[in-house]
Amino acid sequence: MQASAPDGRLLALDCDADAITRVQAALSFYQSRLFLAEANFADLPRILGELRLGPADGIVLDLGPSSYQLSNPSRGFSFRLEGPLDMRMNQNLPQTAAELVNRLSQSDLTGLIRQLGEERFASRIAHAIMARRQVSPLSTTLELAELIAGVVPRTRDSLRLHPATRTFQALRLAVNQELASLERFLSQVLDAMKPGARLCIVAFHSLEDRIVKETFKEWAKSCICPRTLPRCECTGQPRVKLLTRKPVRPEAAEVESNPSSRSARLRAVEKLEKVLHKA
């Protein structure tokens, strides 16, 4: 906020009411230039319009749960802390992780864990969950984490990753519809940016990063002709300039001081001031 003085305005969105309350208290000194909204980040264009703030000069999108959410046992994100199997970033969402785990069929559970968690032992985990459900429903984070740890074989990955890491990721993504929100955001965010504005997105796993990478790559294309054509015949024009050809990763010193940053990947683009027409 100090860097944007004297009249820069900051709009911050978060679907977690607790986060809004904490930011409001921490930045109360800047309340005349601070706008907070309890909303999904995909709603940014609509919120900008409702508040009459106009197109943005710059946007930073930090994907995934916050450190506060991960460290709060009552939110149910951590496989290391005992808590309800919840995982909702927005407490008003209708479906918890427990409801997914205890309701989905074995084939749907396998698909969810394999696709969203990129877990190669998805079928084994889903089978174990189904067997456990015959005895009693799963209701806590440690119940699920211990169940998974008991059926996933030890591999090189298990030395650095808890066996439940990928399954918990899959459930969290599904509960919060995170990939769908990211795709919806990207489909409309350019219209919410001024020419010359920059968009920076920090992703924490490959599924999110892949969507961002491919979208930025598509925006930066100057030709949209099929590859089968011998030469360009379209009027395609790049909409952005790529500022990061490869993702920016945290340096060793940052990872040491902030271990949760180890998987962060930053990509950035700049919306073009004007479009150059082809001759």
Protein backbone atom coordinates (compact mmCIF):
# COMPACT_ATOMS: atom_id res chain seq x y z
CA MET A 1 0.00 0.00 0.00
CA GLN A 2 2.86 2.40 0.76
CA ALA A 3 4.29 1.89 -2.73
CA SER A 4 0.98 2.97 -4.27
CA ALA A 5 0.73 6.23 -2.28
CA PRO A 6 -0.76 8.75 -2.44
CA ASP A 7 -3.80 7.71 -4.46
CA GLY A 8 -3.28 4.12 -5.57
CA ARG A 9 -6.16 1.82 -4.76
CA LEU A 10 -6.00 -1.87 -3.84
CA LEU A 11 -8.83 -4.33 -4.32
CA ALA A 12 -8.35 -7.65 -2.50
CA LEU A 13 -10.63 -10.65 -2.97
CA ASP A 14 -10.85 -13.75 -0.82
CA CYS A 15 -13.65 -16.27 -0.47
CA ASP A 16 -12.69 -16.86 3.18
CA ALA A 17 -14.45 -14.45 5.55
CA ASP A 18 -11.69 -14.97 8.15
CA ALA A 19 -9.06 -13.73 5.69
CA ILE A 20 -11.05 -10.59 4.93
CA THR A 21 -11.34 -9.83 8.65
CA ARG A 22 -7.60 -10.29 9.24
CA VAL A 23 -6.60 -8.10 6.28
CA GLN A 24 -9.06 -5.42 7.29
CA ALA A 25 -7.44 -5.22 10.72
CA ALA A 26 -3.87 -5.37 9.43
CA LEU A 27 -4.36 -2.64 6.80
CA SER A 28 -6.85 -0.42 8.62
CA PHE A 29 -4.52 2.59 8.20
CA TYR A 30 -5.13 2.44 4.45
CA GLN A 31 -8.88 1.95 4.60
CA SER A 32 -9.57 4.95 2.34
CA ARG A 33 -7.65 3.26 -0.48
CA LEU A 34 -8.39 -0.37 0.38
CA PHE A 35 -11.34 -2.28 -1.03
CA LEU A 36 -12.09 -5.77 0.27
CA ALA A 37 -14.60 -8.25 -1.10
CA GLU A 38 -15.54 -11.71 0.12
CA ALA A 39 -15.62 -13.35 -3.29
CA ASN A 40 -14.00 -15.93 -5.53
CA PHE A 41 -11.09 -14.52 -7.55
CA ALA A 42 -12.96 -15.48 -10.74
CA ASP A 43 -15.47 -12.75 -9.86
CA LEU A 44 -12.84 -10.00 -10.17
CA PRO A 45 -14.25 -8.41 -13.37
CA ARG A 46 -17.72 -8.21 -11.84
CA ILE A 47 -16.42 -6.74 -8.56
CA LEU A 48 -14.37 -4.12 -10.41
CA GLY A 49 -17.51 -3.06 -12.23
CA GLU A 50 -19.71 -2.98 -9.14
CA LEU A 51 -17.18 -0.83 -7.26
CA ARG A 52 -16.59 1.36 -10.32
CA LEU A 53 -12.86 0.94 -10.01
CA GLY A 54 -12.34 0.50 -13.74
CA PRO A 55 -9.79 -1.80 -15.41
CA ALA A 56 -6.82 -2.83 -13.27
CA ASP A 57 -3.23 -1.57 -13.62
CA GLY A 58 -1.94 -4.87 -12.28
CA ILE A 59 -3.25 -8.15 -10.88
CA VAL A 60 -1.57 -10.71 -8.62
CA LEU A 61 -3.27 -14.07 -8.21
CA ASP A 62 -2.02 -16.36 -5.44
CA LEU A 63 -3.64 -19.76 -5.93
CA GLY A 64 -4.44 -22.40 -3.34
CA PRO A 65 -5.11 -22.25 0.40
CA SER A 66 -3.32 -19.80 2.68
CA SER A 67 -0.80 -20.71 5.36
CA TYR A 68 -3.43 -19.72 7.92
CA GLN A 69 -5.91 -22.22 6.49
CA LEU A 70 -3.32 -24.99 6.26
CA SER A 71 -2.19 -24.50 9.85
CA ASN A 72 -5.70 -24.25 11.33
CA PRO A 73 -6.82 -27.80 12.28
CA SER A 74 -10.50 -26.81 12.29
CA ARG A 75 -10.37 -26.12 8.54
CA GLY A 76 -9.37 -29.69 7.73
CA PHE A 77 -6.67 -29.06 5.10
CA SER A 78 -3.74 -30.72 6.86
CA PHE A 79 -3.02 -34.45 6.90
CA ARG A 80 -0.70 -33.86 9.87
CA LEU A 81 -3.21 -32.16 12.20
CA GLU A 82 -6.38 -33.69 13.64
CA GLY A 83 -9.48 -31.90 12.43
CA PRO A 84 -12.78 -32.34 10.60
CA LEU A 85 -12.44 -33.52 6.99
CA ASP A 86 -13.65 -30.19 5.63
CA MET A 87 -11.22 -28.43 3.21
CA ARG A 88 -13.62 -25.64 2.21
CA MET A 89 -11.92 -22.30 1.62
CA ASN A 90 -15.36 -20.73 1.64
CA GLN A 91 -17.34 -22.03 4.60
CA ASN A 92 -20.58 -21.41 2.69
CA LEU A 93 -19.80 -24.06 0.10
CA PRO A 94 -22.29 -26.93 0.32
CA GLN A 95 -19.90 -29.89 0.05
CA THR A 96 -17.03 -30.92 2.35
CA ALA A 97 -14.22 -33.37 1.70
CA ALA A 98 -15.88 -35.83 4.10
CA GLU A 99 -19.01 -35.84 1.95
CA LEU A 100 -16.97 -36.60 -1.17
CA VAL A 101 -15.00 -39.37 0.52
CA ASN A 102 -18.09 -41.02 1.99
CA ARG A 103 -20.47 -40.56 -0.96
CA LEU A 104 -18.60 -41.10 -4.22
CA SER A 105 -18.46 -44.49 -5.88
CA GLN A 106 -15.16 -46.37 -6.02
CA SER A 107 -14.68 -45.56 -9.71
CA ASP A 108 -15.41 -41.86 -9.16
CA LEU A 109 -13.05 -41.73 -6.20
CA THR A 110 -10.33 -43.41 -8.22
CA GLY A 111 -10.78 -40.96 -11.09
CA LEU A 112 -10.79 -37.93 -8.80
CA ILE A 113 -7.63 -38.96 -6.94
CA ARG A 114 -5.84 -39.97 -10.13
CA GLN A 115 -6.76 -36.88 -12.18
CA LEU A 116 -6.65 -34.10 -9.59
CA GLY A 117 -4.00 -35.63 -7.35
CA GLU A 118 -1.90 -37.25 -10.06
CA GLU A 119 -1.68 -40.20 -7.67
CA ARG A 120 -0.57 -43.48 -9.28
CA PHE A 121 -1.96 -45.52 -6.35
CA ALA A 122 -5.43 -43.98 -6.74
CA SER A 123 -7.26 -47.27 -7.22
CA ARG A 124 -5.62 -48.80 -4.15
CA ILE A 125 -6.55 -45.76 -2.04
CA ALA A 126 -10.14 -45.71 -3.31
CA HIS A 127 -10.50 -49.43 -2.57
CA ALA A 128 -9.27 -48.88 1.00
CA ILE A 129 -11.71 -46.01 1.49
CA MET A 130 -14.61 -48.15 0.30
CA ALA A 131 -13.62 -50.95 2.69
CA ARG A 132 -13.41 -48.51 5.58
CA ARG A 133 -16.81 -47.05 4.73
CA GLN A 134 -18.36 -50.48 5.29
CA VAL A 135 -17.32 -50.18 8.94
CA SER A 136 -17.82 -46.46 9.60
CA PRO A 137 -17.64 -43.18 7.66
CA LEU A 138 -14.39 -41.20 7.56
CA SER A 139 -14.78 -37.91 9.41
CA THR A 140 -11.34 -36.58 10.37
CA THR A 141 -8.13 -35.67 8.57
CA LEU A 142 -5.94 -38.08 10.51
CA GLU A 143 -8.33 -40.99 9.93
CA LEU A 144 -7.99 -40.51 6.19
CA ALA A 145 -4.25 -39.79 6.28
CA GLU A 146 -3.51 -42.90 8.34
CA LEU A 147 -5.71 -45.03 6.08
CA ILE A 148 -3.80 -43.85 3.00
CA ALA A 149 -0.40 -44.28 4.67
CA GLY A 150 -1.36 -47.87 5.41
CA VAL A 151 -2.01 -48.83 1.79
CA VAL A 152 0.47 -46.74 -0.24
CA PRO A 153 3.80 -48.55 -0.65
CA ARG A 154 7.01 -46.82 0.32
CA THR A 155 8.74 -45.19 -2.64
CA ARG A 156 11.41 -42.56 -3.18
CA ASP A 157 8.63 -39.95 -3.18
CA SER A 158 7.48 -41.03 0.27
CA LEU A 159 10.78 -39.85 1.71
CA ARG A 160 9.87 -36.25 0.84
CA LEU A 161 6.08 -36.41 0.53
CA HIS A 162 3.54 -37.77 2.97
CA PRO A 163 1.60 -40.62 1.29
CA ALA A 164 -1.64 -38.63 1.69
CA THR A 165 -0.34 -35.44 0.02
CA ARG A 166 -1.76 -36.06 -3.46
CA THR A 167 -5.11 -37.40 -2.24
CA PHE A 168 -5.64 -34.41 0.03
CA GLN A 169 -4.74 -32.13 -2.90
CA ALA A 170 -7.30 -33.86 -5.11
CA LEU A 171 -10.07 -33.56 -2.54
CA ARG A 172 -9.28 -29.90 -1.88
CA LEU A 173 -9.33 -29.05 -5.59
CA ALA A 174 -12.64 -30.86 -6.02
CA VAL A 175 -14.33 -29.35 -2.96
CA ASN A 176 -13.38 -25.79 -3.95
CA GLN A 177 -13.68 -26.24 -7.74
CA GLU A 178 -10.28 -24.54 -8.02
CA LEU A 179 -9.41 -25.47 -11.58
CA ALA A 180 -12.82 -24.41 -12.87
CA SER A 181 -12.43 -21.06 -11.07
CA LEU A 182 -8.99 -20.57 -12.61
CA GLU A 183 -10.30 -21.27 -16.11
CA ARG A 184 -13.23 -18.90 -15.58
CA PHE A 185 -10.88 -16.19 -14.33
CA LEU A 186 -8.55 -16.55 -17.30
CA SER A 187 -11.44 -16.47 -19.77
CA GLN A 188 -12.35 -12.91 -18.80
CA VAL A 189 -9.43 -11.27 -16.99
CA LEU A 190 -7.88 -9.55 -20.04
CA ASP A 191 -11.01 -7.41 -20.39
CA ALA A 192 -10.51 -6.30 -16.77
CA MET A 193 -6.96 -5.01 -17.43
CA LYS A 194 -5.73 -1.72 -18.84
CA PRO A 195 -3.33 -1.78 -21.81
CA GLY A 196 0.14 -2.18 -20.31
CA ALA A 197 -1.23 -3.84 -17.17
CA ARG A 198 0.56 -6.88 -15.82
CA LEU A 199 -0.90 -10.15 -14.59
CA CYS A 200 1.17 -12.32 -12.24
CA ILE A 201 -0.03 -15.76 -11.17
CA VAL A 202 1.57 -17.93 -8.51
CA ALA A 203 0.65 -21.61 -8.80
CA PHE A 204 1.67 -24.39 -6.45
CA HIS A 205 1.17 -27.56 -8.44
CA SER A 206 1.41 -28.78 -11.99
CA LEU A 207 -2.30 -28.82 -12.86
CA GLU A 208 -2.75 -25.12 -12.12
CA ASP A 209 0.59 -24.19 -13.65
CA ARG A 210 -0.21 -26.11 -16.84
CA ILE A 211 -3.46 -24.19 -17.32
CA VAL A 212 -1.71 -20.85 -16.75
CA LYS A 213 1.21 -21.77 -19.03
CA GLU A 214 -0.99 -22.87 -21.93
CA THR A 215 -3.32 -19.88 -21.60
CA PHE A 216 -0.47 -17.36 -21.55
CA LYS A 217 1.09 -19.12 -24.53
CA GLU A 218 -2.18 -18.89 -26.46
CA TRP A 219 -2.59 -15.19 -25.63
CA ALA A 220 0.91 -14.46 -26.89
CA LYS A 221 0.38 -16.12 -30.27
CA SER A 222 0.49 -13.94 -33.39
CA CYS A 223 -0.87 -16.70 -35.60
CA ILE A 224 -3.85 -18.95 -34.98
CA CYS A 225 -3.78 -20.79 -38.33
CA PRO A 226 -3.86 -24.61 -38.37
CA ARG A 227 -0.38 -26.09 -38.51
CA THR A 228 -1.28 -27.82 -41.77
CA LEU A 229 -1.26 -24.52 -43.70
CA PRO A 230 2.04 -23.74 -45.46
CA ARG A 231 1.90 -20.07 -44.46
CA CYS A 232 -0.06 -17.75 -42.19
CA GLU A 233 -3.42 -16.67 -43.59
CA CYS A 234 -5.10 -15.38 -40.45
CA THR A 235 -5.41 -11.99 -38.79
CA GLY A 236 -4.44 -13.37 -35.40
CA GLN A 237 -2.70 -10.88 -33.14
CA PRO A 238 -0.91 -11.33 -29.81
CA ARG A 239 -2.80 -9.96 -26.86
CA VAL A 240 0.03 -10.11 -24.33
CA LYS A 241 3.79 -10.05 -24.01
CA LEU A 242 5.24 -12.98 -22.07
CA LEU A 243 7.35 -11.68 -19.19
CA THR A 244 8.36 -15.16 -17.99
CA ARG A 245 9.33 -17.71 -20.63
CA LYS A 246 9.85 -20.19 -17.81
CA PRO A 247 8.27 -20.13 -14.36
CA VAL A 248 10.14 -18.20 -11.67
CA ARG A 249 10.94 -20.51 -8.77
CA PRO A 250 11.94 -19.55 -5.20
CA GLU A 251 15.63 -19.50 -4.37
CA ALA A 252 17.09 -21.83 -1.75
CA ALA A 253 17.20 -19.09 0.90
CA GLU A 254 13.49 -18.38 0.50
CA VAL A 255 12.56 -22.07 0.68
CA GLU A 256 14.65 -22.40 3.85
CA SER A 257 12.86 -19.49 5.52
CA ASN A 258 9.45 -20.38 4.06
CA PRO A 259 9.19 -24.12 3.27
CA SER A 260 5.66 -23.76 1.88
CA SER A 261 7.12 -21.76 -1.02
CA ARG A 262 9.12 -24.72 -2.35
CA SER A 263 6.57 -25.64 -5.04
CA ALA A 264 5.62 -22.07 -6.04
CA ARG A 265 5.80 -21.16 -9.73
CA LEU A 266 5.32 -17.58 -10.88
CA ARG A 267 4.31 -16.69 -14.45
CA ALA A 268 3.58 -13.17 -15.71
CA VAL A 269 2.31 -11.39 -18.83
CA GLU A 270 1.80 -7.79 -19.87
CA LYS A 271 -1.27 -6.76 -21.84
CA LEU A 272 -0.17 -5.12 -25.07
CA GLU A 273 -0.67 -1.38 -25.40
CA LYS A 274 -1.78 -1.77 -29.00
CA VAL A 275 -2.16 -4.49 -31.56
CA LEU A 276 0.04 -4.39 -34.65
CA HIS A 277 -1.90 -5.34 -37.76
CA LYS A 278 -0.26 -7.63 -40.25
CA ALA A 279 0.68 -6.26 -43.65
